[in-house]
Amino acid sequence: MLNRRGVIFGVATGVAVMAASAETAKAEAEPTMSFNVVYPNHEGARFDTSYYRSTHIPLVMKVMKAANVMLIEGVPNGSSAAPYAMIAHFQFASSEAIKAALANPAMAEVRADVARFTDIKPTIMLGKTT
């Protein structure tokens, strides 16, 4: 015989779990702001990936205090060269966090370091991840 209280409790518990899961999904879906640095590739471009990964990125993370960074290294597509040498996707909790990072006086050191690994003039794009 079916225990009605058990069914009602089970349904209520299931709803609570679904509600908690929905809240978690909503929190994870909150938009984050991004600061993206795109290095367009060109014939004869110089880009020292090893220096970039081992020295420049740790410096940027220390100065900008980004929540996360994703590096996307361009690779050739068959006989075509990669259109971009590198894309750095820095994530921040808010636009205020990006503004604070860019206002940090130590950003001068970050900008000066660019010449050590590339001759490419990067393109900067602010974004919102939703």
Protein backbone atom coordinates (compact mmCIF):
# COMPACT_ATOMS: atom_id res chain seq x y z
CA MET A 1 0.00 0.00 0.00
CA LEU A 2 1.21 3.48 -0.85
CA ASN A 3 2.20 5.70 2.07
CA ARG A 4 0.67 9.05 1.24
CA ARG A 5 2.85 11.02 3.69
CA GLY A 6 5.97 9.50 2.18
CA VAL A 7 4.87 10.47 -1.34
CA ILE A 8 4.02 14.02 -0.26
CA PHE A 9 7.32 14.36 1.64
CA GLY A 10 9.21 12.92 -1.33
CA VAL A 11 7.56 15.33 -3.77
CA ALA A 12 8.19 18.26 -1.46
CA THR A 13 11.81 17.24 -1.04
CA GLY A 14 12.20 16.84 -4.80
CA VAL A 15 10.79 20.32 -5.35
CA ALA A 16 13.16 21.76 -2.78
CA VAL A 17 16.10 20.07 -4.47
CA MET A 18 14.99 21.37 -7.87
CA ALA A 19 14.59 24.88 -6.43
CA ALA A 20 18.07 24.72 -4.90
CA SER A 21 19.46 23.45 -8.20
CA ALA A 22 17.73 26.27 -10.06
CA GLU A 23 19.24 28.81 -7.64
CA THR A 24 22.71 27.31 -8.16
CA ALA A 25 22.28 27.42 -11.94
CA LYS A 26 21.09 31.03 -11.72
CA ALA A 27 24.10 32.01 -9.59
CA GLU A 28 26.45 30.29 -12.05
CA ALA A 29 24.74 32.05 -14.96
CA GLU A 30 25.30 35.53 -13.51
CA PRO A 31 27.15 37.58 -16.08
CA THR A 32 30.85 38.15 -15.65
CA MET A 33 32.81 40.90 -17.30
CA SER A 34 35.81 40.15 -19.44
CA PHE A 35 38.89 41.98 -20.59
CA ASN A 36 40.06 40.37 -23.81
CA VAL A 37 43.43 40.93 -25.44
CA VAL A 38 43.62 39.76 -29.05
CA TYR A 39 46.96 39.53 -30.85
CA PRO A 40 46.26 39.50 -34.62
CA ASN A 41 48.80 37.40 -36.50
CA HIS A 42 50.65 38.76 -39.52
CA GLU A 43 53.52 37.71 -41.76
CA GLY A 44 56.77 37.89 -39.75
CA ALA A 45 55.04 38.55 -36.42
CA ARG A 46 57.08 37.82 -33.30
CA PHE A 47 55.27 36.21 -30.37
CA ASP A 48 57.20 34.37 -27.63
CA THR A 49 54.53 32.02 -26.26
CA SER A 50 56.83 30.58 -23.60
CA TYR A 51 57.65 34.01 -22.11
CA TYR A 52 54.02 35.05 -22.41
CA ARG A 53 52.77 32.04 -20.42
CA SER A 54 55.57 31.85 -17.84
CA THR A 55 56.23 35.55 -17.14
CA HIS A 56 53.72 37.97 -18.65
CA ILE A 57 50.48 36.24 -17.64
CA PRO A 58 51.54 35.79 -13.97
CA LEU A 59 52.45 39.50 -13.91
CA VAL A 60 49.07 40.47 -15.40
CA MET A 61 47.18 38.26 -12.94
CA LYS A 62 49.10 39.77 -10.00
CA VAL A 63 48.45 43.35 -11.13
CA MET A 64 44.90 43.06 -12.46
CA LYS A 65 43.64 40.52 -9.91
CA ALA A 66 41.41 38.85 -12.50
CA ALA A 67 39.21 36.00 -11.27
CA ASN A 68 40.35 33.75 -14.11
CA VAL A 69 42.20 33.77 -17.41
CA MET A 70 41.78 31.56 -20.46
CA LEU A 71 44.52 31.60 -23.08
CA ILE A 72 43.69 30.60 -26.64
CA GLU A 73 46.72 30.03 -28.83
CA GLY A 74 46.15 30.28 -32.58
CA VAL A 75 47.01 27.23 -34.66
CA PRO A 76 47.25 26.97 -38.45
CA ASN A 77 44.23 25.66 -40.30
CA GLY A 78 45.74 23.41 -42.94
CA SER A 79 47.96 25.62 -45.08
CA SER A 80 46.52 28.87 -43.69
CA ALA A 81 48.32 30.63 -40.85
CA ALA A 82 46.34 31.24 -37.67
CA PRO A 83 44.56 34.61 -37.89
CA TYR A 84 45.47 35.32 -34.25
CA ALA A 85 48.69 34.47 -32.44
CA MET A 86 46.95 34.52 -29.04
CA ILE A 87 43.76 35.59 -27.31
CA ALA A 88 43.74 36.19 -23.56
CA HIS A 89 40.29 36.16 -21.95
CA PHE A 90 40.47 37.63 -18.42
CA GLN A 91 37.30 37.28 -16.33
CA PHE A 92 36.21 39.74 -13.66
CA ALA A 93 33.22 39.81 -11.31
CA SER A 94 32.13 43.28 -12.44
CA SER A 95 32.93 46.25 -14.65
CA GLU A 96 34.09 48.04 -11.49
CA ALA A 97 36.70 45.31 -10.96
CA ILE A 98 38.02 45.89 -14.50
CA LYS A 99 38.11 49.65 -13.95
CA ALA A 100 40.05 49.17 -10.71
CA ALA A 101 42.48 46.82 -12.46
CA LEU A 102 43.12 49.26 -15.29
CA ALA A 103 43.57 52.14 -12.83
CA ASN A 104 46.30 50.24 -10.94
CA PRO A 105 49.58 52.20 -11.37
CA ALA A 106 51.40 48.86 -11.87
CA MET A 107 49.64 48.55 -15.27
CA ALA A 108 52.54 50.65 -16.64
CA GLU A 109 54.83 47.68 -15.88
CA VAL A 110 52.42 45.32 -17.64
CA ARG A 111 52.31 47.52 -20.75
CA ALA A 112 56.12 47.86 -20.78
CA ASP A 113 56.48 44.08 -20.59
CA VAL A 114 54.60 43.53 -23.89
CA ALA A 115 57.67 44.47 -25.98
CA ARG A 116 59.56 41.57 -24.37
CA PHE A 117 57.39 38.92 -26.04
CA THR A 118 55.77 40.44 -29.15
CA ASP A 119 55.85 43.13 -31.80
CA ILE A 120 52.09 42.72 -32.41
CA LYS A 121 49.84 45.63 -31.45
CA PRO A 122 47.00 43.93 -29.55
CA THR A 123 43.32 44.75 -29.84
CA ILE A 124 41.43 45.14 -26.55
CA MET A 125 37.78 44.21 -26.19
CA LEU A 126 35.62 44.47 -23.08
CA GLY A 127 32.87 41.88 -22.91
CA LYS A 128 30.10 40.39 -20.84
CA THR A 129 29.64 36.63 -20.47
CA THR A 130 26.05 35.61 -19.93
